[in-house]
Amino acid sequence: MAQQVWCLSFRQPYAGLVLDGLKTVESRWRPVLAPLENQTLGIHIAQRDWEGGEWRQALSGLMNRGQIQELLEGGERFGRGVVAGLVDVGGTWQCPSSLQGAELQELEQAALLIGLQQKHLTRLSNPRWLKAPLSARGGRDLWTVEIPPELLP
C-alpha cells in the first residue's frame, strides 16, 4: 500500500544535505512546516540550485574539498524533479532577532545557512533516501505525494 506524505521542494545542494543528515534545521520565512510536527515529510529535489554559497563555507569547517565534492555528487544521484527521500519533522520556532554568539553559530551550522534571525526554524531528523527516485512535479508550498511501497527505505 502506498504511503501518502506531505512533500516540500528543496533546491540543491540542500535537498541532498538534508537527506545525508548534515542539514538538521530548515529555515523558512513562514512557518510552513509547523503543522507537520511529528510527521514524515517527503523531500523533493527542485530543478534549480540554491544561489548562495553559505552552505559551502559551513561545510568547509567540517570536511575537505574532496569530501564536499563527494557529498555533492552523492546528493545528485537521483537527479532533479524527483522525490528522493523522507525526513521526520520536529518542532518549529521563530529565531529571535537578538540571538547572537555561540547559540546562533550552532543553529547556522545545523541549517548550513547564515542570517537566521526572524526566520522560522524547524528541526529535521531521521533522514532516509528512497530506494529509487519518484518523478514528481514540485510545488511552491506543501503538497502531497503517494510513495509506492517498493520505494520506501
C-alpha atoms as a PDB file:
ATOM      1  CA  MET A   1       0.000   0.000   0.000  1.00  0.00           C
ATOM      2  CA  ALA A   2       1.366   3.396  -0.974  1.00  0.00           C
ATOM      3  CA  GLN A   3       2.310   5.853   1.757  1.00  0.00           C
ATOM      4  CA  GLN A   4       0.874   9.335   1.349  1.00  0.00           C
ATOM      5  CA  VAL A   5       3.113  12.088   2.781  1.00  0.00           C
ATOM      6  CA  TRP A   6       3.377  15.829   2.677  1.00  0.00           C
ATOM      7  CA  CYS A   7       6.212  16.952   0.442  1.00  0.00           C
ATOM      8  CA  LEU A   8       8.339  20.086   0.116  1.00  0.00           C
ATOM      9  CA  SER A   9      10.772  21.069  -2.623  1.00  0.00           C
ATOM     10  CA  PHE A  10      14.358  21.852  -1.689  1.00  0.00           C
ATOM     11  CA  ARG A  11      16.964  23.280  -4.016  1.00  0.00           C
ATOM     12  CA  GLN A  12      20.301  21.557  -4.320  1.00  0.00           C
ATOM     13  CA  PRO A  13      22.588  21.135  -2.529  1.00  0.00           C
ATOM     14  CA  TYR A  14      20.192  21.476   0.425  1.00  0.00           C
ATOM     15  CA  ALA A  15      17.977  18.514  -0.576  1.00  0.00           C
ATOM     16  CA  GLY A  16      20.976  16.184  -0.571  1.00  0.00           C
ATOM     17  CA  LEU A  17      22.375  17.728   2.613  1.00  0.00           C
ATOM     18  CA  VAL A  18      19.053  17.118   4.404  1.00  0.00           C
ATOM     19  CA  LEU A  19      18.904  13.502   3.226  1.00  0.00           C
ATOM     20  CA  ASP A  20      22.547  12.932   4.152  1.00  0.00           C
ATOM     21  CA  GLY A  21      21.820  14.195   7.682  1.00  0.00           C
ATOM     22  CA  LEU A  22      24.094  17.248   7.569  1.00  0.00           C
ATOM     23  CA  LYS A  23      21.306  19.840   7.452  1.00  0.00           C
ATOM     24  CA  THR A  24      19.201  19.277  10.567  1.00  0.00           C
ATOM     25  CA  VAL A  25      17.450  22.653  10.747  1.00  0.00           C
ATOM     26  CA  GLU A  26      15.282  24.025   7.937  1.00  0.00           C
ATOM     27  CA  SER A  27      14.665  27.770   7.745  1.00  0.00           C
ATOM     28  CA  ARG A  28      11.766  29.495   6.026  1.00  0.00           C
ATOM     29  CA  TRP A  29      10.290  32.994   6.254  1.00  0.00           C
ATOM     30  CA  ARG A  30       6.915  31.438   7.075  1.00  0.00           C
ATOM     31  CA  PRO A  31       6.193  28.543   9.495  1.00  0.00           C
ATOM     32  CA  VAL A  32       5.495  26.172   6.592  1.00  0.00           C
ATOM     33  CA  LEU A  33       6.483  23.009   8.466  1.00  0.00           C
ATOM     34  CA  ALA A  34       4.863  23.838  11.843  1.00  0.00           C
ATOM     35  CA  PRO A  35       1.664  21.838  11.125  1.00  0.00           C
ATOM     36  CA  LEU A  36       3.764  18.754  10.326  1.00  0.00           C
ATOM     37  CA  GLU A  37       5.447  18.372  13.714  1.00  0.00           C
ATOM     38  CA  ASN A  38       5.956  14.657  14.497  1.00  0.00           C
ATOM     39  CA  GLN A  39       5.105  13.676  10.921  1.00  0.00           C
ATOM     40  CA  THR A  40       7.151  12.458   7.963  1.00  0.00           C
ATOM     41  CA  LEU A  41       7.982  14.842   5.129  1.00  0.00           C
ATOM     42  CA  GLY A  42       8.904  13.884   1.579  1.00  0.00           C
ATOM     43  CA  ILE A  43      11.977  15.679   0.229  1.00  0.00           C
ATOM     44  CA  HIS A  44      11.604  16.780  -3.386  1.00  0.00           C
ATOM     45  CA  ILE A  45      14.713  17.860  -5.310  1.00  0.00           C
ATOM     46  CA  ALA A  46      13.907  21.034  -7.210  1.00  0.00           C
ATOM     47  CA  GLN A  47      15.239  21.731 -10.697  1.00  0.00           C
ATOM     48  CA  ARG A  48      17.117  24.854  -9.631  1.00  0.00           C
ATOM     49  CA  ASP A  49      20.169  25.281  -7.416  1.00  0.00           C
ATOM     50  CA  TRP A  50      20.370  27.395  -4.294  1.00  0.00           C
ATOM     51  CA  GLU A  51      22.025  30.645  -5.310  1.00  0.00           C
ATOM     52  CA  GLY A  52      24.029  31.373  -2.139  1.00  0.00           C
ATOM     53  CA  GLY A  53      27.285  29.748  -1.090  1.00  0.00           C
ATOM     54  CA  GLU A  54      26.813  29.768   2.684  1.00  0.00           C
ATOM     55  CA  TRP A  55      26.496  26.002   2.761  1.00  0.00           C
ATOM     56  CA  ARG A  56      29.984  25.583   1.267  1.00  0.00           C
ATOM     57  CA  GLN A  57      31.523  27.841   3.901  1.00  0.00           C
ATOM     58  CA  ALA A  58      29.755  25.927   6.685  1.00  0.00           C
ATOM     59  CA  LEU A  59      30.853  22.560   5.295  1.00  0.00           C
ATOM     60  CA  SER A  60      34.479  23.671   4.829  1.00  0.00           C
ATOM     61  CA  GLY A  61      34.791  23.770   8.611  1.00  0.00           C
ATOM     62  CA  LEU A  62      33.746  20.113   8.780  1.00  0.00           C
ATOM     63  CA  MET A  63      35.392  18.465   5.762  1.00  0.00           C
ATOM     64  CA  ASN A  64      37.922  18.961   2.998  1.00  0.00           C
ATOM     65  CA  ARG A  65      37.213  19.868  -0.647  1.00  0.00           C
ATOM     66  CA  GLY A  66      37.269  16.254  -1.818  1.00  0.00           C
ATOM     67  CA  GLN A  67      34.782  15.193   0.835  1.00  0.00           C
ATOM     68  CA  ILE A  68      32.497  18.115  -0.023  1.00  0.00           C
ATOM     69  CA  GLN A  69      32.624  17.231  -3.725  1.00  0.00           C
ATOM     70  CA  GLU A  70      31.850  13.582  -2.977  1.00  0.00           C
ATOM     71  CA  LEU A  71      28.922  14.667  -0.818  1.00  0.00           C
ATOM     72  CA  LEU A  72      27.548  16.923  -3.574  1.00  0.00           C
ATOM     73  CA  GLU A  73      27.832  14.174  -6.190  1.00  0.00           C
ATOM     74  CA  GLY A  74      26.033  11.751  -3.872  1.00  0.00           C
ATOM     75  CA  GLY A  75      23.224  14.266  -3.430  1.00  0.00           C
ATOM     76  CA  GLU A  76      22.728  14.296  -7.213  1.00  0.00           C
ATOM     77  CA  ARG A  77      22.409  10.518  -7.596  1.00  0.00           C
ATOM     78  CA  PHE A  78      18.646  10.679  -8.251  1.00  0.00           C
ATOM     79  CA  GLY A  79      18.748  13.775 -10.431  1.00  0.00           C
ATOM     80  CA  ARG A  80      16.264  16.622 -10.270  1.00  0.00           C
ATOM     81  CA  GLY A  81      12.484  16.876 -10.259  1.00  0.00           C
ATOM     82  CA  VAL A  82      12.072  13.835  -8.023  1.00  0.00           C
ATOM     83  CA  VAL A  83      11.007  12.910  -4.526  1.00  0.00           C
ATOM     84  CA  ALA A  84      14.248  11.463  -3.210  1.00  0.00           C
ATOM     85  CA  GLY A  85      13.664  10.691   0.434  1.00  0.00           C
ATOM     86  CA  LEU A  86      11.921  11.194   3.735  1.00  0.00           C
ATOM     87  CA  VAL A  87      12.683  13.075   6.939  1.00  0.00           C
ATOM     88  CA  ASP A  88      10.896  13.407  10.273  1.00  0.00           C
ATOM     89  CA  VAL A  89       9.722  16.888  11.218  1.00  0.00           C
ATOM     90  CA  GLY A  90      10.318  18.272  14.700  1.00  0.00           C
ATOM     91  CA  GLY A  91       9.294  21.492  16.373  1.00  0.00           C
ATOM     92  CA  THR A  92       9.186  24.885  14.670  1.00  0.00           C
ATOM     93  CA  TRP A  93      10.090  28.175  16.341  1.00  0.00           C
ATOM     94  CA  GLN A  94      10.956  31.685  15.248  1.00  0.00           C
ATOM     95  CA  CYS A  95      14.596  32.639  15.680  1.00  0.00           C
ATOM     96  CA  PRO A  96      14.807  35.844  17.744  1.00  0.00           C
ATOM     97  CA  SER A  97      16.365  38.870  16.066  1.00  0.00           C
ATOM     98  CA  SER A  98      18.509  39.329  19.180  1.00  0.00           C
ATOM     99  CA  LEU A  99      20.139  35.877  19.002  1.00  0.00           C
ATOM    100  CA  GLN A 100      23.932  36.079  18.756  1.00  0.00           C
ATOM    101  CA  GLY A 101      27.109  34.268  19.683  1.00  0.00           C
ATOM    102  CA  ALA A 102      27.577  30.545  20.079  1.00  0.00           C
ATOM    103  CA  GLU A 103      23.868  29.706  20.049  1.00  0.00           C
ATOM    104  CA  LEU A 104      23.378  31.473  16.697  1.00  0.00           C
ATOM    105  CA  GLN A 105      26.502  29.833  15.258  1.00  0.00           C
ATOM    106  CA  GLU A 106      25.251  26.412  16.329  1.00  0.00           C
ATOM    107  CA  LEU A 107      21.922  26.982  14.574  1.00  0.00           C
ATOM    108  CA  GLU A 108      23.628  28.353  11.454  1.00  0.00           C
ATOM    109  CA  GLN A 109      25.832  25.238  11.334  1.00  0.00           C
ATOM    110  CA  ALA A 110      22.778  22.979  11.653  1.00  0.00           C
ATOM    111  CA  ALA A 111      20.936  24.971   8.950  1.00  0.00           C
ATOM    112  CA  LEU A 112      24.061  25.407   6.763  1.00  0.00           C
ATOM    113  CA  LEU A 113      22.906  28.974   6.300  1.00  0.00           C
ATOM    114  CA  ILE A 114      23.616  32.359   7.867  1.00  0.00           C
ATOM    115  CA  GLY A 115      21.200  35.124   8.782  1.00  0.00           C
ATOM    116  CA  LEU A 116      18.582  33.050  10.578  1.00  0.00           C
ATOM    117  CA  GLN A 117      17.207  35.822  12.775  1.00  0.00           C
ATOM    118  CA  GLN A 118      13.424  36.194  12.472  1.00  0.00           C
ATOM    119  CA  LYS A 119      13.152  33.102  10.261  1.00  0.00           C
ATOM    120  CA  HIS A 120      11.025  30.112  11.256  1.00  0.00           C
ATOM    121  CA  LEU A 121      13.298  27.180  12.069  1.00  0.00           C
ATOM    122  CA  THR A 122      12.281  23.523  12.109  1.00  0.00           C
ATOM    123  CA  ARG A 123      14.252  20.540  13.405  1.00  0.00           C
ATOM    124  CA  LEU A 124      14.656  17.665  10.943  1.00  0.00           C
ATOM    125  CA  SER A 125      15.714  14.143  11.928  1.00  0.00           C
ATOM    126  CA  ASN A 126      15.895  10.542  10.736  1.00  0.00           C
ATOM    127  CA  PRO A 127      16.708  11.294   7.077  1.00  0.00           C
ATOM    128  CA  ARG A 128      16.467   8.409   4.626  1.00  0.00           C
ATOM    129  CA  TRP A 129      16.824   8.129   0.869  1.00  0.00           C
ATOM    130  CA  LEU A 130      14.166   6.260  -1.075  1.00  0.00           C
ATOM    131  CA  LYS A 131      15.297   3.065  -2.794  1.00  0.00           C
ATOM    132  CA  ALA A 132      14.751   4.841  -6.129  1.00  0.00           C
ATOM    133  CA  PRO A 133      13.572   8.307  -7.134  1.00  0.00           C
ATOM    134  CA  LEU A 134       9.900   9.104  -7.642  1.00  0.00           C
ATOM    135  CA  SER A 135       9.369  11.512 -10.510  1.00  0.00           C
ATOM    136  CA  ALA A 136       7.119  14.366  -9.399  1.00  0.00           C
ATOM    137  CA  ARG A 137       6.486  17.947 -10.275  1.00  0.00           C
ATOM    138  CA  GLY A 138       7.368  20.178  -7.335  1.00  0.00           C
ATOM    139  CA  GLY A 139       5.293  22.893  -5.792  1.00  0.00           C
ATOM    140  CA  ARG A 140       5.859  26.186  -4.069  1.00  0.00           C
ATOM    141  CA  ASP A 141       4.432  25.136  -0.713  1.00  0.00           C
ATOM    142  CA  LEU A 142       3.476  21.796   0.801  1.00  0.00           C
ATOM    143  CA  TRP A 143       1.801  19.243  -1.436  1.00  0.00           C
ATOM    144  CA  THR A 144       1.083  15.532  -1.085  1.00  0.00           C
ATOM    145  CA  VAL A 145       2.638  12.591  -2.851  1.00  0.00           C
ATOM    146  CA  GLU A 146       1.989   8.852  -2.749  1.00  0.00           C
ATOM    147  CA  ILE A 147       5.125   6.773  -2.413  1.00  0.00           C
ATOM    148  CA  PRO A 148       4.833   3.173  -3.626  1.00  0.00           C
ATOM    149  CA  PRO A 149       5.868   0.600  -1.008  1.00  0.00           C
ATOM    150  CA  GLU A 150       8.708  -0.738  -3.197  1.00  0.00           C
ATOM    151  CA  LEU A 151      10.439   2.669  -2.980  1.00  0.00           C
ATOM    152  CA  LEU A 152      10.225   3.004   0.808  1.00  0.00           C
ATOM    153  CA  PRO A 153      13.518   2.595   2.673  1.00  0.00           C
END
